[in-house]
Protein backbone atom coordinates (compact mmCIF):
# COMPACT_ATOMS: atom_id res chain seq x y z
CA MET A 1 -83.64 61.10 118.38
CA VAL A 2 -81.76 62.01 121.56
CA GLU A 3 -78.62 60.15 120.44
CA ARG A 4 -78.71 62.10 117.17
CA LEU A 5 -79.05 65.38 119.07
CA ARG A 6 -76.00 64.54 121.16
CA ASP A 7 -73.77 62.78 118.65
CA HIS A 8 -74.61 64.50 115.36
CA TYR A 9 -75.64 67.99 116.45
CA GLY A 10 -73.49 68.35 119.56
CA ILE A 11 -76.22 69.26 122.03
CA LYS A 12 -74.31 69.03 125.31
CA ASN A 13 -76.76 70.15 127.99
CA GLU A 14 -77.85 66.92 129.71
CA ALA A 15 -80.96 68.53 131.20
CA VAL A 16 -82.09 69.56 127.71
CA LEU A 17 -81.41 66.05 126.36
CA GLU A 18 -83.35 64.51 129.24
CA ALA A 19 -86.29 66.86 128.57
CA MET A 20 -86.24 65.84 124.90
CA ARG A 21 -86.21 62.20 125.98
CA SER A 22 -89.07 62.57 128.45
CA VAL A 23 -91.61 64.49 126.33
CA PRO A 24 -93.47 62.28 123.80
CA ARG A 25 -93.22 64.24 120.52
CA HIS A 26 -95.82 62.00 118.83
CA PHE A 27 -98.42 63.39 121.26
CA PHE A 28 -98.11 66.81 119.58
CA VAL A 29 -98.67 65.84 115.93
CA THR A 30 -101.71 64.53 114.07
CA GLU A 31 -102.36 60.80 114.12
CA ALA A 32 -101.41 60.55 110.44
CA LEU A 33 -97.92 61.89 111.21
CA ARG A 34 -97.20 59.98 114.41
CA GLY A 35 -94.96 57.52 112.59
CA ARG A 36 -92.71 60.44 111.62
CA ALA A 37 -92.79 62.19 115.00
CA TYR A 38 -89.15 61.40 115.84
CA ASP A 39 -87.74 62.16 112.37
CA ASP A 40 -85.11 64.85 111.99
CA ASN A 41 -87.36 67.51 110.51
CA ALA A 42 -90.20 69.93 111.17
CA LEU A 43 -93.74 68.62 110.66
CA PRO A 44 -96.98 70.41 109.71
CA ILE A 45 -99.70 71.01 112.27
CA ASN A 46 -103.07 72.72 111.84
CA PHE A 47 -103.54 76.28 110.51
CA ASN A 48 -100.39 76.16 108.30
CA GLN A 49 -98.13 76.09 111.36
CA THR A 50 -95.34 73.63 112.17
CA ILE A 51 -93.80 71.67 115.01
CA SER A 52 -90.10 72.51 114.86
CA GLN A 53 -87.33 70.06 114.01
CA PRO A 54 -86.08 68.34 117.21
CA PHE A 55 -82.61 69.85 116.73
CA ILE A 56 -83.90 73.42 116.61
CA VAL A 57 -86.08 72.82 119.70
CA ALA A 58 -83.05 71.48 121.58
CA ARG A 59 -80.70 74.20 120.30
CA MET A 60 -83.01 77.09 121.16
CA THR A 61 -83.69 75.58 124.58
CA GLU A 62 -79.97 75.13 125.22
CA LEU A 63 -79.27 78.75 124.27
CA LEU A 64 -81.80 79.96 126.88
CA GLU A 65 -79.59 78.54 129.69
CA ILE A 66 -82.55 77.99 132.01
CA ASP A 67 -82.87 76.06 135.27
CA LYS A 68 -85.50 75.20 137.87
CA GLN A 69 -85.55 78.81 139.12
CA SER A 70 -86.23 80.30 135.67
CA ARG A 71 -89.40 82.07 134.61
CA VAL A 72 -89.78 81.66 130.85
CA LEU A 73 -91.94 83.30 128.18
CA GLU A 74 -92.58 81.41 124.94
CA ILE A 75 -93.98 83.07 121.82
CA GLY A 76 -95.62 80.82 119.23
CA ALA A 77 -96.66 77.79 121.26
CA GLY A 78 -98.15 75.96 118.27
CA SER A 79 -99.05 72.41 119.30
CA GLY A 80 -97.42 72.87 122.73
CA TYR A 81 -94.34 70.68 122.21
CA GLN A 82 -91.75 73.37 122.93
CA THR A 83 -93.88 74.48 125.88
CA ALA A 84 -93.71 70.97 127.33
CA ILE A 85 -89.92 70.83 126.85
CA LEU A 86 -89.49 74.18 128.63
CA SER A 87 -91.76 73.06 131.47
CA ARG A 88 -89.36 70.21 132.27
CA LEU A 89 -86.51 72.68 132.79
CA ALA A 90 -88.04 75.88 134.17
CA SER A 91 -89.95 76.95 137.25
CA GLN A 92 -92.80 78.50 135.26
CA VAL A 93 -93.59 78.81 131.55
CA TYR A 94 -95.96 81.38 130.10
CA ALA A 95 -96.74 80.63 126.45
CA ILE A 96 -98.57 82.70 123.87
CA GLU A 97 -100.14 81.41 120.65
CA ARG A 98 -101.77 83.80 118.18
CA ILE A 99 -104.32 81.25 116.93
CA GLY A 100 -106.99 80.63 119.55
CA GLU A 101 -107.83 77.04 118.62
CA LEU A 102 -104.16 76.03 118.64
CA ALA A 103 -103.73 77.69 122.05
CA ARG A 104 -106.65 75.73 123.49
CA GLU A 105 -105.39 72.45 122.02
CA ALA A 106 -101.86 73.08 123.32
CA GLN A 107 -103.16 73.85 126.81
CA GLY A 108 -105.18 70.62 126.75
CA ARG A 109 -102.20 68.52 125.67
CA ILE A 110 -99.86 69.79 128.34
CA ARG A 111 -102.51 69.24 131.01
CA ASP A 112 -103.08 65.69 129.68
CA LEU A 113 -99.36 65.10 130.24
CA GLY A 114 -99.68 66.27 133.86
CA ILE A 115 -97.84 69.55 133.28
CA TYR A 116 -99.08 72.27 135.62
CA ASN A 117 -96.24 74.81 135.56
CA ALA A 118 -97.09 76.02 132.04
CA THR A 119 -99.97 78.16 130.77
CA VAL A 120 -100.93 78.89 127.16
CA LYS A 121 -103.07 81.85 126.11
CA ALA A 122 -104.16 83.30 122.76
CA PHE A 123 -102.73 86.77 122.14
CA ASP A 124 -100.32 88.79 119.98
CA GLY A 125 -97.01 87.33 121.13
CA THR A 126 -94.95 90.26 119.81
CA LEU A 127 -96.37 92.29 122.71
CA GLY A 128 -95.17 89.74 125.28
CA TRP A 129 -96.98 89.03 128.55
CA SER A 130 -95.90 91.81 130.89
CA ALA A 131 -98.03 90.70 133.84
CA HIS A 132 -95.65 87.82 134.60
CA GLY A 133 -92.37 89.55 133.70
CA PRO A 134 -89.59 90.23 133.94
CA TYR A 135 -88.42 86.90 132.51
CA ASP A 136 -85.15 85.02 132.80
CA ALA A 137 -85.58 83.77 129.25
CA ILE A 138 -87.83 84.30 126.22
CA LEU A 139 -88.09 81.91 123.27
CA VAL A 140 -89.76 82.95 120.01
CA ALA A 141 -90.74 80.07 117.71
CA ALA A 142 -91.54 82.20 114.65
CA GLY A 143 -89.40 84.38 112.42
CA GLY A 144 -89.70 88.15 112.60
CA PRO A 145 -88.21 91.07 110.65
CA ARG A 146 -86.71 92.60 113.80
CA ILE A 147 -86.38 92.01 117.53
CA PRO A 148 -89.65 93.13 119.19
CA ASP A 149 -88.94 95.92 121.69
CA PRO A 150 -91.60 94.73 124.21
CA LEU A 151 -89.83 91.36 124.53
CA VAL A 152 -86.47 92.97 125.31
CA ALA A 153 -88.23 95.24 127.82
CA GLN A 154 -89.72 92.19 129.59
CA LEU A 155 -86.33 90.47 130.01
CA LYS A 156 -84.43 90.65 133.28
CA VAL A 157 -80.93 92.08 133.14
CA GLY A 158 -78.82 89.03 132.35
CA GLY A 159 -81.83 87.40 130.67
CA ARG A 160 -81.70 85.74 127.26
CA LEU A 161 -84.01 86.07 124.26
CA VAL A 162 -83.71 83.52 121.43
CA ILE A 163 -85.49 84.48 118.21
CA PRO A 164 -85.25 83.86 114.45
CA ILE A 165 -84.74 87.16 112.59
CA GLY A 166 -84.71 87.66 108.80
CA GLN A 167 -85.29 90.25 106.10
CA THR A 168 -87.84 87.97 104.41
CA ARG A 169 -90.59 85.67 105.72
CA ASP A 170 -88.85 82.62 104.27
CA SER A 171 -85.45 82.46 105.96
CA GLN A 172 -83.89 83.73 109.16
CA ASN A 173 -80.84 83.59 111.36
CA LEU A 174 -81.16 82.34 114.91
CA VAL A 175 -80.31 85.26 117.18
CA ARG A 176 -79.67 85.34 120.91
CA VAL A 177 -80.05 88.64 122.73
CA ILE A 178 -78.50 88.93 126.19
CA LYS A 179 -79.77 91.93 128.15
CA THR A 180 -76.96 93.75 129.96
CA GLU A 181 -76.81 96.86 132.11
CA LYS A 182 -75.42 98.68 129.05
CA GLY A 183 -78.11 97.40 126.69
CA PRO A 184 -78.82 94.32 124.56
CA LYS A 185 -75.92 92.22 123.25
CA THR A 186 -76.75 90.22 120.11
CA GLU A 187 -75.23 86.91 118.92
CA ASP A 188 -75.81 85.12 115.59
CA HIS A 189 -76.24 81.34 115.84
CA GLY A 190 -76.70 80.44 112.18
CA SER A 191 -79.42 80.08 109.60
CA CYS A 192 -82.86 78.61 110.29
CA GLN A 193 -86.37 78.60 108.84
CA PHE A 194 -89.58 79.30 110.74
CA VAL A 195 -93.15 80.31 110.02
CA PRO A 196 -93.61 84.12 110.09
CA LEU A 197 -94.00 85.97 113.38
CA ILE A 198 -97.31 87.80 112.90
CA GLY A 199 -98.20 90.75 115.09
CA GLN A 200 -97.77 94.40 115.93
CA HIS A 201 -93.98 94.05 116.20
CA GLY A 202 -93.67 91.33 113.56
CA TRP A 203 -94.96 90.77 110.03
CA GLU A 204 -98.41 91.90 109.00
CA LYS A 205 -100.91 89.13 108.42
CA ASN A 206 -101.39 88.28 104.73
């Protein structure tokens, strides 16, 4: 998996590649899917959610440009895999998952792996987690119709927000927002596909 990320997809950040190597992806999927855990695709988890394709996890993490001093907010923790990857690279990770049972399971998994610099709570992620802000980086693992204002507000100047944005629930473009003194600067990093970002500043729940 890591060789494919480097050689096929061009992921260059060695710290990101090492994090991908060190976190056991099979630990974050159901037993029935463990044989496919290192395949090059997203996999279903409970409650109609997904664990993202390894490439998109690595790419979004690389775009955050984080280090051991970084305080990171993650929206859409799911099974906790991306949370675990971020914990290998950052000082502290605060993760939000809308679905309470998924949040509890994710918290349990990361503790079982001996990860103590990451916390998962159940909440509306589009509102962020202002108590621990401002953040050096924010990663959103669900696709929204627009960039949520509270997340930009909780970024430090110079901080980076990586989020899938699209006009429909079914397809998005991966966007990076860099907060500058003059306001947010937005970059497009290509097409992607995520589950919908549900919440006050996202899509309404069906």
